[in-house]
Amino acid sequence: MYSQLCRYGWRPLEAVGHIAFGLALLGLGLACAGADLLGGWEQAARLLTGAG
């Protein structure tokens, strides 16, 4: 992916930034799906805060 972005004229730092942003969005999406599977946002918050 990095080499493809550089081939199209993206600067290296810009390419790395876009890849990191895409991975962050993917992680956020997985976290949202996981919270839904765990039974909702309230239970996920309780698990994260240790009140679960």
Protein backbone atom coordinates (compact mmCIF):
# COMPACT_ATOMS: atom_id res chain seq x y z
CA MET A 1 0.00 0.00 0.00
CA TYR A 2 2.82 2.39 0.90
CA SER A 3 4.60 1.80 -2.41
CA GLN A 4 1.36 2.38 -4.34
CA LEU A 5 0.79 5.72 -2.62
CA CYS A 6 4.37 6.80 -3.29
CA ARG A 7 4.04 5.75 -6.94
CA TYR A 8 1.11 8.15 -7.36
CA GLY A 9 3.21 11.05 -6.09
CA TRP A 10 2.35 11.16 -2.39
CA ARG A 11 5.12 12.29 -0.10
CA PRO A 12 6.32 9.57 2.33
CA LEU A 13 5.05 11.30 5.49
CA GLU A 14 1.71 12.04 3.86
CA ALA A 15 1.37 8.40 2.79
CA VAL A 16 2.19 7.13 6.29
CA GLY A 17 -0.30 9.58 7.79
CA HIS A 18 -3.09 8.38 5.53
CA ILE A 19 -2.32 4.74 6.30
CA ALA A 20 -2.33 5.46 10.05
CA PHE A 21 -5.63 7.34 9.74
CA GLY A 22 -7.19 4.42 7.88
CA LEU A 23 -6.00 1.98 10.54
CA ALA A 24 -7.38 4.24 13.29
CA LEU A 25 -10.79 4.32 11.57
CA LEU A 26 -10.72 0.54 11.24
CA GLY A 27 -9.89 0.19 14.94
CA LEU A 28 -12.71 2.55 15.89
CA GLY A 29 -15.14 0.56 13.78
CA LEU A 30 -14.05 -2.68 15.41
CA ALA A 31 -14.39 -1.10 18.86
CA CYS A 32 -17.93 0.04 18.06
CA ALA A 33 -18.87 -3.41 16.79
CA GLY A 34 -17.33 -5.00 19.88
CA ALA A 35 -19.29 -2.71 22.19
CA ASP A 36 -22.51 -3.67 20.43
CA LEU A 37 -21.66 -7.36 20.74
CA LEU A 38 -20.89 -6.99 24.45
CA GLY A 39 -24.41 -5.79 25.13
CA GLY A 40 -24.30 -2.07 24.59
CA TRP A 41 -22.27 0.99 25.41
CA GLU A 42 -23.20 1.04 29.11
CA GLN A 43 -21.77 -2.40 29.78
CA ALA A 44 -18.67 -1.63 27.72
CA ALA A 45 -18.12 1.53 29.78
CA ARG A 46 -18.52 -0.47 33.02
CA LEU A 47 -15.96 -2.99 31.82
CA LEU A 48 -13.47 -0.25 30.91
CA THR A 49 -13.90 1.62 34.19
CA GLY A 50 -13.69 -1.56 36.27
CA ALA A 51 -17.20 -1.24 37.68
CA GLY A 52 -18.33 -4.31 35.72
